[in-house]
């Protein structure tokens, strides 16, 4: 479906009301596309949102450059241990706010049988 000027204008207003700058998002998109063209990486999926409003959602480049298969928003990426750093930051932020403690049991947060059996605390996994 092709966007009309009116719908684009409304989307821009909604996005900027959420605190996202459409010009910055456009520069981000262009920079990622240039990086793919310059072979810095094959591709990826990008989502930028704030306050429940998605300002940028696109797949860029290739899922497999060799076969020419383009990236899709629903592709699954192997990011290995990168998520551990994000998880640590989130947990430490929650501790700083007082929402969690290092002695909070994982089973109090994640209701899985293995967590209830072993009873680890956050201090044993951070």
PDB file of N, CA and C in Angstrom:
ATOM      1  N   UNK A   1       0.840  -1.179   0.000  1.00  0.00           N
ATOM      2  CA  UNK A   1       0.000   0.000   0.000  1.00  0.00           C
ATOM      3  C   UNK A   1       0.885   1.242   0.000  1.00  0.00           C
ATOM      4  N   UNK A   2       0.635   2.144  -0.886  1.00  0.00           N
ATOM      5  CA  UNK A   2       1.413   3.361  -1.005  1.00  0.00           C
ATOM      6  C   UNK A   2       0.920   4.394   0.013  1.00  0.00           C
ATOM      7  N   UNK A   3       1.851   5.018   0.719  1.00  0.00           N
ATOM      8  CA  UNK A   3       1.474   6.022   1.703  1.00  0.00           C
ATOM      9  C   UNK A   3       1.099   7.325   1.021  1.00  0.00           C
ATOM     10  N   UNK A   4       0.060   7.935   1.519  1.00  0.00           N
ATOM     11  CA  UNK A   4      -0.323   9.239   0.995  1.00  0.00           C
ATOM     12  C   UNK A   4       0.411  10.306   1.798  1.00  0.00           C
ATOM     13  N   UNK A   5       0.458  11.501   1.264  1.00  0.00           N
ATOM     14  CA  UNK A   5       1.103  12.612   1.984  1.00  0.00           C
ATOM     15  C   UNK A   5       0.412  12.831   3.316  1.00  0.00           C
ATOM     16  N   UNK A   6      -0.921  12.721   3.336  1.00  0.00           N
ATOM     17  CA  UNK A   6      -1.673  12.938   4.568  1.00  0.00           C
ATOM     18  C   UNK A   6      -1.315  11.894   5.624  1.00  0.00           C
ATOM     19  N   UNK A   7      -1.256  10.596   5.243  1.00  0.00           N
ATOM     20  CA  UNK A   7      -0.943   9.562   6.225  1.00  0.00           C
ATOM     21  C   UNK A   7       0.499   9.690   6.702  1.00  0.00           C
ATOM     22  N   UNK A   8       1.404  10.086   5.800  1.00  0.00           N
ATOM     23  CA  UNK A   8       2.791  10.305   6.190  1.00  0.00           C
ATOM     24  C   UNK A   8       2.882  11.461   7.172  1.00  0.00           C
ATOM     25  N   UNK A   9       2.132  12.513   6.944  1.00  0.00           N
ATOM     26  CA  UNK A   9       2.123  13.667   7.834  1.00  0.00           C
ATOM     27  C   UNK A   9       1.603  13.279   9.223  1.00  0.00           C
ATOM     28  N   UNK A  10       0.530  12.484   9.274  1.00  0.00           N
ATOM     29  CA  UNK A  10      -0.013  12.039  10.559  1.00  0.00           C
ATOM     30  C   UNK A  10       0.979  11.139  11.280  1.00  0.00           C
ATOM     31  N   UNK A  11       1.636  10.251  10.539  1.00  0.00           N
ATOM     32  CA  UNK A  11       2.625   9.360  11.146  1.00  0.00           C
ATOM     33  C   UNK A  11       3.784  10.171  11.718  1.00  0.00           C
ATOM     34  N   UNK A  12       4.214  11.190  10.993  1.00  0.00           N
ATOM     35  CA  UNK A  12       5.303  12.046  11.464  1.00  0.00           C
ATOM     36  C   UNK A  12       4.903  12.767  12.748  1.00  0.00           C
ATOM     37  N   UNK A  13       3.683  13.294  12.777  1.00  0.00           N
ATOM     38  CA  UNK A  13       3.219  14.011  13.966  1.00  0.00           C
ATOM     39  C   UNK A  13       3.152  13.058  15.161  1.00  0.00           C
ATOM     40  N   UNK A  14       2.600  11.862  14.977  1.00  0.00           N
ATOM     41  CA  UNK A  14       2.492  10.882  16.057  1.00  0.00           C
ATOM     42  C   UNK A  14       3.881  10.477  16.545  1.00  0.00           C
ATOM     43  N   UNK A  15       4.802  10.251  15.621  1.00  0.00           N
ATOM     44  CA  UNK A  15       6.160   9.846  15.977  1.00  0.00           C
ATOM     45  C   UNK A  15       6.873  10.941  16.754  1.00  0.00           C
ATOM     46  N   UNK A  16       6.746  12.178  16.291  1.00  0.00           N
ATOM     47  CA  UNK A  16       7.425  13.271  16.980  1.00  0.00           C
ATOM     48  C   UNK A  16       6.769  13.589  18.321  1.00  0.00           C
ATOM     49  N   UNK A  17       5.473  13.352  18.455  1.00  0.00           N
ATOM     50  CA  UNK A  17       4.800  13.519  19.742  1.00  0.00           C
ATOM     51  C   UNK A  17       5.363  12.522  20.757  1.00  0.00           C
ATOM     52  N   UNK A  18       5.765  11.349  20.301  1.00  0.00           N
ATOM     53  CA  UNK A  18       6.353  10.334  21.179  1.00  0.00           C
ATOM     54  C   UNK A  18       7.803  10.652  21.524  1.00  0.00           C
ATOM     55  N   UNK A  19       8.361  11.692  20.939  1.00  0.00           N
ATOM     56  CA  UNK A  19       9.735  12.076  21.244  1.00  0.00           C
ATOM     57  C   UNK A  19      10.764  11.521  20.279  1.00  0.00           C
ATOM     58  N   UNK A  20      10.316  11.014  19.149  1.00  0.00           N
ATOM     59  CA  UNK A  20      11.229  10.513  18.124  1.00  0.00           C
ATOM     60  C   UNK A  20      11.337  11.544  17.010  1.00  0.00           C
ATOM     61  N   UNK A  21      12.541  11.757  16.530  1.00  0.00           N
ATOM     62  CA  UNK A  21      12.782  12.738  15.487  1.00  0.00           C
ATOM     63  C   UNK A  21      12.871  12.015  14.144  1.00  0.00           C
ATOM     64  N   UNK A  22      11.926  12.306  13.254  1.00  0.00           N
ATOM     65  CA  UNK A  22      11.867  11.623  11.954  1.00  0.00           C
ATOM     66  C   UNK A  22      13.117  11.866  11.113  1.00  0.00           C
ATOM     67  N   UNK A  23      13.694  13.047  11.204  1.00  0.00           N
ATOM     68  CA  UNK A  23      14.903  13.331  10.432  1.00  0.00           C
ATOM     69  C   UNK A  23      16.068  12.465  10.922  1.00  0.00           C
ATOM     70  N   UNK A  24      16.185  12.306  12.238  1.00  0.00           N
ATOM     71  CA  UNK A  24      17.242  11.455  12.783  1.00  0.00           C
ATOM     72  C   UNK A  24      17.017   9.994  12.400  1.00  0.00           C
ATOM     73  N   UNK A  25      15.761   9.555  12.429  1.00  0.00           N
ATOM     74  CA  UNK A  25      15.456   8.183  12.034  1.00  0.00           C
ATOM     75  C   UNK A  25      15.786   7.950  10.563  1.00  0.00           C
ATOM     76  N   UNK A  26      15.526   8.942   9.726  1.00  0.00           N
ATOM     77  CA  UNK A  26      15.858   8.834   8.300  1.00  0.00           C
ATOM     78  C   UNK A  26      17.374   8.745   8.112  1.00  0.00           C
ATOM     79  N   UNK A  27      18.125   9.539   8.891  1.00  0.00           N
ATOM     80  CA  UNK A  27      19.601   9.473   8.812  1.00  0.00           C
ATOM     81  C   UNK A  27      20.110   8.119   9.280  1.00  0.00           C
ATOM     82  N   UNK A  28      19.496   7.571  10.336  1.00  0.00           N
ATOM     83  CA  UNK A  28      19.881   6.247  10.824  1.00  0.00           C
ATOM     84  C   UNK A  28      19.650   5.199   9.741  1.00  0.00           C
ATOM     85  N   UNK A  29      18.480   5.232   9.132  1.00  0.00           N
ATOM     86  CA  UNK A  29      18.154   4.284   8.059  1.00  0.00           C
ATOM     87  C   UNK A  29      19.149   4.397   6.911  1.00  0.00           C
ATOM     88  N   UNK A  30      19.456   5.619   6.506  1.00  0.00           N
ATOM     89  CA  UNK A  30      20.409   5.841   5.406  1.00  0.00           C
ATOM     90  C   UNK A  30      21.804   5.339   5.773  1.00  0.00           C
ATOM     91  N   UNK A  31      22.221   5.558   7.021  1.00  0.00           N
ATOM     92  CA  UNK A  31      23.548   5.115   7.466  1.00  0.00           C
ATOM     93  C   UNK A  31      23.645   3.591   7.457  1.00  0.00           C
ATOM     94  N   UNK A  32      22.589   2.919   7.897  1.00  0.00           N
ATOM     95  CA  UNK A  32      22.591   1.458   7.894  1.00  0.00           C
ATOM     96  C   UNK A  32      22.647   0.934   6.464  1.00  0.00           C
ATOM     97  N   UNK A  33      21.865   1.535   5.570  1.00  0.00           N
ATOM     98  CA  UNK A  33      21.877   1.115   4.164  1.00  0.00           C
ATOM     99  C   UNK A  33      23.263   1.317   3.544  1.00  0.00           C
ATOM    100  N   UNK A  34      23.905   2.434   3.862  1.00  0.00           N
ATOM    101  CA  UNK A  34      25.252   2.695   3.336  1.00  0.00           C
ATOM    102  C   UNK A  34      26.252   1.666   3.875  1.00  0.00           C
ATOM    103  N   UNK A  35      26.152   1.340   5.165  1.00  0.00           N
ATOM    104  CA  UNK A  35      27.038   0.328   5.750  1.00  0.00           C
ATOM    105  C   UNK A  35      26.890  -1.013   5.029  1.00  0.00           C
ATOM    106  N   UNK A  36      25.662  -1.392   4.704  1.00  0.00           N
ATOM    107  CA  UNK A  36      25.432  -2.649   3.980  1.00  0.00           C
ATOM    108  C   UNK A  36      26.032  -2.557   2.580  1.00  0.00           C
ATOM    109  N   UNK A  37      25.813  -1.428   1.904  1.00  0.00           N
ATOM    110  CA  UNK A  37      26.390  -1.234   0.569  1.00  0.00           C
ATOM    111  C   UNK A  37      27.909  -1.272   0.604  1.00  0.00           C
ATOM    112  N   UNK A  38      28.521  -0.775   1.701  1.00  0.00           N
ATOM    113  CA  UNK A  38      29.974  -0.764   1.856  1.00  0.00           C
ATOM    114  C   UNK A  38      30.517  -2.086   2.395  1.00  0.00           C
ATOM    115  N   UNK A  39      29.636  -3.107   2.506  1.00  0.00           N
ATOM    116  CA  UNK A  39      30.012  -4.443   2.968  1.00  0.00           C
ATOM    117  C   UNK A  39      30.545  -4.477   4.396  1.00  0.00           C
ATOM    118  N   UNK A  40      30.101  -3.543   5.245  1.00  0.00           N
ATOM    119  CA  UNK A  40      30.510  -3.586   6.649  1.00  0.00           C
ATOM    120  C   UNK A  40      29.790  -4.717   7.383  1.00  0.00           C
ATOM    121  N   UNK A  41      28.589  -5.035   6.956  1.00  0.00           N
ATOM    122  CA  UNK A  41      27.842  -6.193   7.421  1.00  0.00           C
ATOM    123  C   UNK A  41      26.801  -6.524   6.364  1.00  0.00           C
ATOM    124  N   UNK A  42      26.235  -7.716   6.466  1.00  0.00           N
ATOM    125  CA  UNK A  42      25.314  -8.181   5.432  1.00  0.00           C
ATOM    126  C   UNK A  42      23.940  -7.536   5.514  1.00  0.00           C
ATOM    127  N   UNK A  43      23.422  -7.360   6.715  1.00  0.00           N
ATOM    128  CA  UNK A  43      22.094  -6.785   6.852  1.00  0.00           C
ATOM    129  C   UNK A  43      21.557  -6.963   8.247  1.00  0.00           C
ATOM    130  N   UNK A  44      20.314  -6.580   8.437  1.00  0.00           N
ATOM    131  CA  UNK A  44      19.690  -6.727   9.745  1.00  0.00           C
ATOM    132  C   UNK A  44      18.293  -6.146   9.747  1.00  0.00           C
ATOM    133  N   UNK A  45      17.623  -6.317  10.876  1.00  0.00           N
ATOM    134  CA  UNK A  45      16.294  -5.765  11.080  1.00  0.00           C
ATOM    135  C   UNK A  45      16.398  -4.688  12.157  1.00  0.00           C
ATOM    136  N   UNK A  46      15.754  -3.559  11.919  1.00  0.00           N
ATOM    137  CA  UNK A  46      15.847  -2.415  12.827  1.00  0.00           C
ATOM    138  C   UNK A  46      14.445  -2.005  13.258  1.00  0.00           C
ATOM    139  N   UNK A  47      14.271  -1.831  14.571  1.00  0.00           N
ATOM    140  CA  UNK A  47      13.029  -1.292  15.110  1.00  0.00           C
ATOM    141  C   UNK A  47      13.406  -0.255  16.154  1.00  0.00           C
ATOM    142  N   UNK A  48      12.896   0.956  15.980  1.00  0.00           N
ATOM    143  CA  UNK A  48      13.093   2.023  16.959  1.00  0.00           C
ATOM    144  C   UNK A  48      11.709   2.462  17.401  1.00  0.00           C
ATOM    145  N   UNK A  49      11.469   2.382  18.715  1.00  0.00           N
ATOM    146  CA  UNK A  49      10.153   2.750  19.242  1.00  0.00           C
ATOM    147  C   UNK A  49      10.326   3.514  20.543  1.00  0.00           C
ATOM    148  N   UNK A  50       9.322   4.321  20.848  1.00  0.00           N
ATOM    149  CA  UNK A  50       9.299   5.052  22.108  1.00  0.00           C
ATOM    150  C   UNK A  50       7.846   5.281  22.493  1.00  0.00           C
ATOM    151  N   UNK A  51       7.551   5.026  23.758  1.00  0.00           N
ATOM    152  CA  UNK A  51       6.193   5.215  24.277  1.00  0.00           C
ATOM    153  C   UNK A  51       5.144   4.479  23.438  1.00  0.00           C
ATOM    154  N   UNK A  52       5.506   3.293  22.956  1.00  0.00           N
ATOM    155  CA  UNK A  52       4.571   2.482  22.191  1.00  0.00           C
ATOM    156  C   UNK A  52       4.403   2.884  20.743  1.00  0.00           C
ATOM    157  N   UNK A  53       5.133   3.904  20.304  1.00  0.00           N
ATOM    158  CA  UNK A  53       5.045   4.367  18.913  1.00  0.00           C
ATOM    159  C   UNK A  53       6.285   3.905  18.173  1.00  0.00           C
ATOM    160  N   UNK A  54       6.084   3.181  17.082  1.00  0.00           N
ATOM    161  CA  UNK A  54       7.210   2.725  16.266  1.00  0.00           C
ATOM    162  C   UNK A  54       7.544   3.818  15.266  1.00  0.00           C
ATOM    163  N   UNK A  55       8.785   4.305  15.348  1.00  0.00           N
ATOM    164  CA  UNK A  55       9.228   5.357  14.443  1.00  0.00           C
ATOM    165  C   UNK A  55       9.960   4.818  13.234  1.00  0.00           C
ATOM    166  N   UNK A  56      10.616   3.678  13.398  1.00  0.00           N
ATOM    167  CA  UNK A  56      11.370   3.070  12.306  1.00  0.00           C
ATOM    168  C   UNK A  56      11.271   1.563  12.453  1.00  0.00           C
ATOM    169  N   UNK A  57      10.875   0.900  11.391  1.00  0.00           N
ATOM    170  CA  UNK A  57      10.787  -0.555  11.364  1.00  0.00           C
ATOM    171  C   UNK A  57      11.088  -1.007   9.949  1.00  0.00           C
ATOM    172  N   UNK A  58      12.275  -1.571   9.770  1.00  0.00           N
ATOM    173  CA  UNK A  58      12.635  -2.006   8.422  1.00  0.00           C
ATOM    174  C   UNK A  58      13.698  -3.084   8.457  1.00  0.00           C
ATOM    175  N   UNK A  59      13.704  -3.884   7.418  1.00  0.00           N
ATOM    176  CA  UNK A  59      14.745  -4.872   7.197  1.00  0.00           C
ATOM    177  C   UNK A  59      15.656  -4.320   6.111  1.00  0.00           C
ATOM    178  N   UNK A  60      16.956  -4.449   6.325  1.00  0.00           N
ATOM    179  CA  UNK A  60      17.940  -3.850   5.417  1.00  0.00           C
ATOM    180  C   UNK A  60      18.960  -4.912   5.024  1.00  0.00           C
ATOM    181  N   UNK A  61      19.328  -4.933   3.771  1.00  0.00           N
ATOM    182  CA  UNK A  61      20.402  -5.811   3.320  1.00  0.00           C
ATOM    183  C   UNK A  61      19.980  -7.250   3.129  1.00  0.00           C
ATOM    184  N   UNK A  62      20.913  -8.143   3.426  1.00  0.00           N
ATOM    185  CA  UNK A  62      20.742  -9.553   3.104  1.00  0.00           C
ATOM    186  C   UNK A  62      20.716 -10.432   4.346  1.00  0.00           C
ATOM    187  N   UNK A  63      19.827 -11.418   4.345  1.00  0.00           N
ATOM    188  CA  UNK A  63      19.874 -12.486   5.344  1.00  0.00           C
ATOM    189  C   UNK A  63      21.006 -13.441   4.958  1.00  0.00           C
ATOM    190  N   UNK A  64      21.194 -13.606   3.644  1.00  0.00           N
ATOM    191  CA  UNK A  64      22.285 -14.428   3.117  1.00  0.00           C
ATOM    192  C   UNK A  64      22.775 -13.769   1.838  1.00  0.00           C
ATOM    193  N   UNK A  65      23.902 -13.087   1.938  1.00  0.00           N
ATOM    194  CA  UNK A  65      24.422 -12.333   0.793  1.00  0.00           C
ATOM    195  C   UNK A  65      24.749 -13.251  -0.380  1.00  0.00           C
ATOM    196  N   UNK A  66      25.267 -14.449  -0.075  1.00  0.00           N
ATOM    197  CA  UNK A  66      25.662 -15.384  -1.123  1.00  0.00           C
ATOM    198  C   UNK A  66      24.523 -15.792  -2.040  1.00  0.00           C
ATOM    199  N   UNK A  67      23.351 -15.996  -1.481  1.00  0.00           N
ATOM    200  CA  UNK A  67      22.193 -16.386  -2.294  1.00  0.00           C
ATOM    201  C   UNK A  67      21.365 -15.177  -2.703  1.00  0.00           C
ATOM    202  N   UNK A  68      21.690 -14.015  -2.137  1.00  0.00           N
ATOM    203  CA  UNK A  68      20.940 -12.805  -2.453  1.00  0.00           C
ATOM    204  C   UNK A  68      19.610 -12.691  -1.728  1.00  0.00           C
ATOM    205  N   UNK A  69      19.379 -13.581  -0.725  1.00  0.00           N
ATOM    206  CA  UNK A  69      18.112 -13.518   0.008  1.00  0.00           C
ATOM    207  C   UNK A  69      18.081 -12.278   0.892  1.00  0.00           C
ATOM    208  N   UNK A  70      17.099 -11.410   0.671  1.00  0.00           N
ATOM    209  CA  UNK A  70      17.031 -10.179   1.465  1.00  0.00           C
ATOM    210  C   UNK A  70      16.592 -10.446   2.906  1.00  0.00           C
ATOM    211  N   UNK A  71      16.976  -9.549   3.785  1.00  0.00           N
ATOM    212  CA  UNK A  71      16.534  -9.610   5.183  1.00  0.00           C
ATOM    213  C   UNK A  71      15.049  -9.315   5.252  1.00  0.00           C
ATOM    214  N   UNK A  72      14.390  -9.969   6.213  1.00  0.00           N
ATOM    215  CA  UNK A  72      12.982  -9.680   6.489  1.00  0.00           C
ATOM    216  C   UNK A  72      12.862  -9.313   7.963  1.00  0.00           C
ATOM    217  N   UNK A  73      11.809  -8.620   8.298  1.00  0.00           N
ATOM    218  CA  UNK A  73      11.604  -8.231   9.689  1.00  0.00           C
ATOM    219  C   UNK A  73      11.437  -9.423  10.616  1.00  0.00           C
ATOM    220  N   UNK A  74      10.973 -10.547  10.091  1.00  0.00           N
ATOM    221  CA  UNK A  74      10.758 -11.714  10.944  1.00  0.00           C
ATOM    222  C   UNK A  74      11.914 -12.714  10.912  1.00  0.00           C
ATOM    223  N   UNK A  75      13.056 -12.339  10.327  1.00  0.00           N
ATOM    224  CA  UNK A  75      14.227 -13.212  10.342  1.00  0.00           C
ATOM    225  C   UNK A  75      14.744 -13.368  11.771  1.00  0.00           C
ATOM    226  N   UNK A  76      15.348 -14.527  12.038  1.00  0.00           N
ATOM    227  CA  UNK A  76      15.941 -14.803  13.344  1.00  0.00           C
ATOM    228  C   UNK A  76      17.454 -14.710  13.193  1.00  0.00           C
ATOM    229  N   UNK A  77      18.092 -13.978  14.108  1.00  0.00           N
ATOM    230  CA  UNK A  77      19.532 -13.752  14.038  1.00  0.00           C
ATOM    231  C   UNK A  77      20.235 -14.457  15.190  1.00  0.00           C
ATOM    232  N   UNK A  78      21.396 -14.993  14.924  1.00  0.00           N
ATOM    233  CA  UNK A  78      22.213 -15.632  15.944  1.00  0.00           C
ATOM    234  C   UNK A  78      23.117 -14.565  16.559  1.00  0.00           C
ATOM    235  N   UNK A  79      22.753 -14.083  17.736  1.00  0.00           N
ATOM    236  CA  UNK A  79      23.519 -12.995  18.340  1.00  0.00           C
ATOM    237  C   UNK A  79      24.352 -13.450  19.536  1.00  0.00           C
ATOM    238  N   UNK A  80      24.320 -14.735  19.811  1.00  0.00           N
ATOM    239  CA  UNK A  80      25.144 -15.365  20.842  1.00  0.00           C
ATOM    240  C   UNK A  80      25.061 -14.635  22.172  1.00  0.00           C
ATOM    241  N   UNK A  81      26.179 -14.217  22.734  1.00  0.00           N
ATOM    242  CA  UNK A  81      26.206 -13.685  24.096  1.00  0.00           C
ATOM    243  C   UNK A  81      25.960 -12.183  24.194  1.00  0.00           C
ATOM    244  N   UNK A  82      25.647 -11.533  23.112  1.00  0.00           N
ATOM    245  CA  UNK A  82      25.437 -10.086  23.146  1.00  0.00           C
ATOM    246  C   UNK A  82      24.303  -9.709  24.094  1.00  0.00           C
ATOM    247  N   UNK A  83      23.290 -10.566  24.184  1.00  0.00           N
ATOM    248  CA  UNK A  83      22.143 -10.242  25.030  1.00  0.00           C
ATOM    249  C   UNK A  83      22.482 -10.233  26.512  1.00  0.00           C
ATOM    250  N   UNK A  84      23.546 -10.914  26.899  1.00  0.00           N
ATOM    251  CA  UNK A  84      23.920 -10.929  28.322  1.00  0.00           C
ATOM    252  C   UNK A  84      24.233  -9.525  28.833  1.00  0.00           C
ATOM    253  N   UNK A  85      24.916  -8.739  28.041  1.00  0.00           N
ATOM    254  CA  UNK A  85      25.249  -7.370  28.462  1.00  0.00           C
ATOM    255  C   UNK A  85      23.985  -6.530  28.634  1.00  0.00           C
ATOM    256  N   UNK A  86      23.042  -6.682  27.721  1.00  0.00           N
ATOM    257  CA  UNK A  86      21.775  -5.949  27.833  1.00  0.00           C
ATOM    258  C   UNK A  86      21.009  -6.384  29.082  1.00  0.00           C
ATOM    259  N   UNK A  87      20.976  -7.696  29.313  1.00  0.00           N
ATOM    260  CA  UNK A  87      20.275  -8.223  30.482  1.00  0.00           C
ATOM    261  C   UNK A  87      20.907  -7.696  31.762  1.00  0.00           C
ATOM    262  N   UNK A  88      22.232  -7.680  31.822  1.00  0.00           N
ATOM    263  CA  UNK A  88      22.921  -7.153  33.008  1.00  0.00           C
ATOM    264  C   UNK A  88      22.554  -5.698  33.265  1.00  0.00           C
ATOM    265  N   UNK A  89      22.549  -4.899  32.226  1.00  0.00           N
ATOM    266  CA  UNK A  89      22.215  -3.476  32.376  1.00  0.00           C
ATOM    267  C   UNK A  89      20.784  -3.312  32.880  1.00  0.00           C
ATOM    268  N   UNK A  90      19.865  -4.065  32.322  1.00  0.00           N
ATOM    269  CA  UNK A  90      18.461  -3.981  32.743  1.00  0.00           C
ATOM    270  C   UNK A  90      18.317  -4.396  34.202  1.00  0.00           C
ATOM    271  N   UNK A  91      18.939  -5.523  34.584  1.00  0.00           N
ATOM    272  CA  UNK A  91      18.843  -5.997  35.966  1.00  0.00           C
ATOM    273  C   UNK A  91      19.436  -4.974  36.923  1.00  0.00           C
ATOM    274  N   UNK A  92      20.611  -4.449  36.599  1.00  0.00           N
ATOM    275  CA  UNK A  92      21.233  -3.467  37.486  1.00  0.00           C
ATOM    276  C   UNK A  92      20.413  -2.184  37.579  1.00  0.00           C
ATOM    277  N   UNK A  93      19.765  -1.794  36.490  1.00  0.00           N
ATOM    278  CA  UNK A  93      18.878  -0.622  36.527  1.00  0.00           C
ATOM    279  C   UNK A  93      17.686  -0.881  37.437  1.00  0.00           C
ATOM    280  N   UNK A  94      17.114  -2.084  37.365  1.00  0.00           N
ATOM    281  CA  UNK A  94      15.985  -2.431  38.228  1.00  0.00           C
ATOM    282  C   UNK A  94      16.401  -2.478  39.696  1.00  0.00           C
ATOM    283  N   UNK A  95      17.617  -2.942  39.961  1.00  0.00           N
ATOM    284  CA  UNK A  95      18.136  -2.957  41.331  1.00  0.00           C
ATOM    285  C   UNK A  95      18.327  -1.527  41.825  1.00  0.00           C
ATOM    286  N   UNK A  96      18.886  -0.673  40.969  1.00  0.00           N
ATOM    287  CA  UNK A  96      19.102   0.733  41.332  1.00  0.00           C
ATOM    288  C   UNK A  96      17.778   1.431  41.654  1.00  0.00           C
ATOM    289  N   UNK A  97      16.719   1.105  40.906  1.00  0.00           N
ATOM    290  CA  UNK A  97      15.396   1.702  41.148  1.00  0.00           C
ATOM    291  C   UNK A  97      14.695   1.097  42.357  1.00  0.00           C
ATOM    292  N   UNK A  98      15.217  -0.021  42.853  1.00  0.00           N
ATOM    293  CA  UNK A  98      14.593  -0.672  43.997  1.00  0.00           C
ATOM    294  C   UNK A  98      13.540  -1.693  43.625  1.00  0.00           C
ATOM    295  N   UNK A  99      13.415  -2.023  42.343  1.00  0.00           N
ATOM    296  CA  UNK A  99      12.417  -2.998  41.908  1.00  0.00           C
ATOM    297  C   UNK A  99      12.881  -4.437  42.104  1.00  0.00           C
ATOM    298  N   UNK A 100      14.190  -4.655  42.182  1.00  0.00           N
ATOM    299  CA  UNK A 100      14.784  -5.968  42.421  1.00  0.00           C
ATOM    300  C   UNK A 100      15.928  -5.810  43.418  1.00  0.00           C
ATOM    301  N   UNK A 101      16.376  -6.944  43.951  1.00  0.00           N
ATOM    302  CA  UNK A 101      17.568  -6.974  44.798  1.00  0.00           C
ATOM    303  C   UNK A 101      18.458  -8.104  44.294  1.00  0.00           C
ATOM    304  N   UNK A 102      19.727  -8.064  44.625  1.00  0.00           N
ATOM    305  CA  UNK A 102      20.619  -9.154  44.213  1.00  0.00           C
ATOM    306  C   UNK A 102      20.195 -10.477  44.834  1.00  0.00           C
ATOM    307  N   UNK A 103      19.433 -10.429  45.902  1.00  0.00           N
ATOM    308  CA  UNK A 103      18.966 -11.655  46.553  1.00  0.00           C
ATOM    309  C   UNK A 103      17.600 -12.112  46.029  1.00  0.00           C
ATOM    310  N   UNK A 104      17.011 -11.375  45.078  1.00  0.00           N
ATOM    311  CA  UNK A 104      15.744 -11.790  44.484  1.00  0.00           C
ATOM    312  C   UNK A 104      15.935 -13.127  43.786  1.00  0.00           C
ATOM    313  N   UNK A 105      15.062 -14.075  44.076  1.00  0.00           N
ATOM    314  CA  UNK A 105      15.172 -15.395  43.461  1.00  0.00           C
ATOM    315  C   UNK A 105      14.655 -15.339  42.029  1.00  0.00           C
ATOM    316  N   UNK A 106      15.367 -15.978  41.127  1.00  0.00           N
ATOM    317  CA  UNK A 106      14.967 -16.025  39.724  1.00  0.00           C
ATOM    318  C   UNK A 106      13.568 -16.629  39.611  1.00  0.00           C
ATOM    319  N   UNK A 107      13.263 -17.605  40.451  1.00  0.00           N
ATOM    320  CA  UNK A 107      11.940 -18.251  40.404  1.00  0.00           C
ATOM    321  C   UNK A 107      10.818 -17.283  40.772  1.00  0.00           C
ATOM    322  N   UNK A 108      11.138 -16.185  41.457  1.00  0.00           N
ATOM    323  CA  UNK A 108      10.125 -15.169  41.754  1.00  0.00           C
ATOM    324  C   UNK A 108       9.797 -14.329  40.521  1.00  0.00           C
ATOM    325  N   UNK A 109      10.688 -14.358  39.534  1.00  0.00           N
ATOM    326  CA  UNK A 109      10.520 -13.571  38.322  1.00  0.00           C
ATOM    327  C   UNK A 109      10.109 -14.456  37.153  1.00  0.00           C
ATOM    328  N   UNK A 110      10.798 -15.584  36.998  1.00  0.00           N
ATOM    329  CA  UNK A 110      10.545 -16.513  35.895  1.00  0.00           C
ATOM    330  C   UNK A 110       9.979 -17.797  36.480  1.00  0.00           C
ATOM    331  N   UNK A 111       8.774 -18.098  36.120  1.00  0.00           N
ATOM    332  CA  UNK A 111       8.074 -19.249  36.695  1.00  0.00           C
ATOM    333  C   UNK A 111       8.371 -20.536  35.914  1.00  0.00           C
ATOM    334  N   UNK A 112       9.621 -20.984  35.909  1.00  0.00           N
ATOM    335  CA  UNK A 112       9.946 -22.248  35.237  1.00  0.00           C
ATOM    336  C   UNK A 112      10.341 -23.280  36.286  1.00  0.00           C
ATOM    337  N   UNK A 113      10.126 -24.534  35.996  1.00  0.00           N
ATOM    338  CA  UNK A 113      10.396 -25.576  36.986  1.00  0.00           C
ATOM    339  C   UNK A 113      11.871 -25.654  37.339  1.00  0.00           C
ATOM    340  N   UNK A 114      12.764 -25.457  36.375  1.00  0.00           N
ATOM    341  CA  UNK A 114      14.191 -25.553  36.674  1.00  0.00           C
ATOM    342  C   UNK A 114      14.636 -24.434  37.609  1.00  0.00           C
ATOM    343  N   UNK A 115      14.071 -23.246  37.438  1.00  0.00           N
ATOM    344  CA  UNK A 115      14.429 -22.138  38.330  1.00  0.00           C
ATOM    345  C   UNK A 115      13.913 -22.403  39.734  1.00  0.00           C
ATOM    346  N   UNK A 116      12.718 -22.998  39.862  1.00  0.00           N
ATOM    347  CA  UNK A 116      12.160 -23.283  41.191  1.00  0.00           C
ATOM    348  C   UNK A 116      12.950 -24.385  41.877  1.00  0.00           C
ATOM    349  N   UNK A 117      13.457 -25.330  41.111  1.00  0.00           N
ATOM    350  CA  UNK A 117      14.192 -26.442  41.688  1.00  0.00           C
ATOM    351  C   UNK A 117      15.550 -26.012  42.220  1.00  0.00           C
ATOM    352  N   UNK A 118      16.275 -25.250  41.436  1.00  0.00           N
ATOM    353  CA  UNK A 118      17.630 -24.842  41.826  1.00  0.00           C
ATOM    354  C   UNK A 118      17.642 -23.634  42.746  1.00  0.00           C
ATOM    355  N   UNK A 119      16.615 -22.786  42.689  1.00  0.00           N
ATOM    356  CA  UNK A 119      16.470 -21.599  43.523  1.00  0.00           C
ATOM    357  C   UNK A 119      17.650 -20.621  43.408  1.00  0.00           C
ATOM    358  N   UNK A 120      18.153 -20.345  42.199  1.00  0.00           N
ATOM    359  CA  UNK A 120      19.247 -19.367  42.079  1.00  0.00           C
ATOM    360  C   UNK A 120      18.752 -17.954  42.357  1.00  0.00           C
ATOM    361  N   UNK A 121      19.661 -17.094  42.825  1.00  0.00           N
ATOM    362  CA  UNK A 121      19.327 -15.686  43.006  1.00  0.00           C
ATOM    363  C   UNK A 121      20.009 -14.900  41.902  1.00  0.00           C
ATOM    364  N   UNK A 122      19.631 -13.624  41.760  1.00  0.00           N
ATOM    365  CA  UNK A 122      20.239 -12.786  40.713  1.00  0.00           C
ATOM    366  C   UNK A 122      21.743 -12.683  40.900  1.00  0.00           C
ATOM    367  N   UNK A 123      22.235 -12.685  42.143  1.00  0.00           N
ATOM    368  CA  UNK A 123      23.669 -12.545  42.357  1.00  0.00           C
ATOM    369  C   UNK A 123      24.443 -13.727  41.795  1.00  0.00           C
ATOM    370  N   UNK A 124      23.804 -14.874  41.624  1.00  0.00           N
ATOM    371  CA  UNK A 124      24.512 -16.032  41.078  1.00  0.00           C
ATOM    372  C   UNK A 124      24.546 -16.051  39.564  1.00  0.00           C
ATOM    373  N   UNK A 125      23.737 -15.191  38.911  1.00  0.00           N
ATOM    374  CA  UNK A 125      23.729 -15.180  37.435  1.00  0.00           C
ATOM    375  C   UNK A 125      24.251 -13.889  36.840  1.00  0.00           C
ATOM    376  N   UNK A 126      24.430 -12.834  37.627  1.00  0.00           N
ATOM    377  CA  UNK A 126      24.922 -11.550  37.092  1.00  0.00           C
ATOM    378  C   UNK A 126      26.432 -11.504  37.119  1.00  0.00           C
TER     379      UNK A 126
END
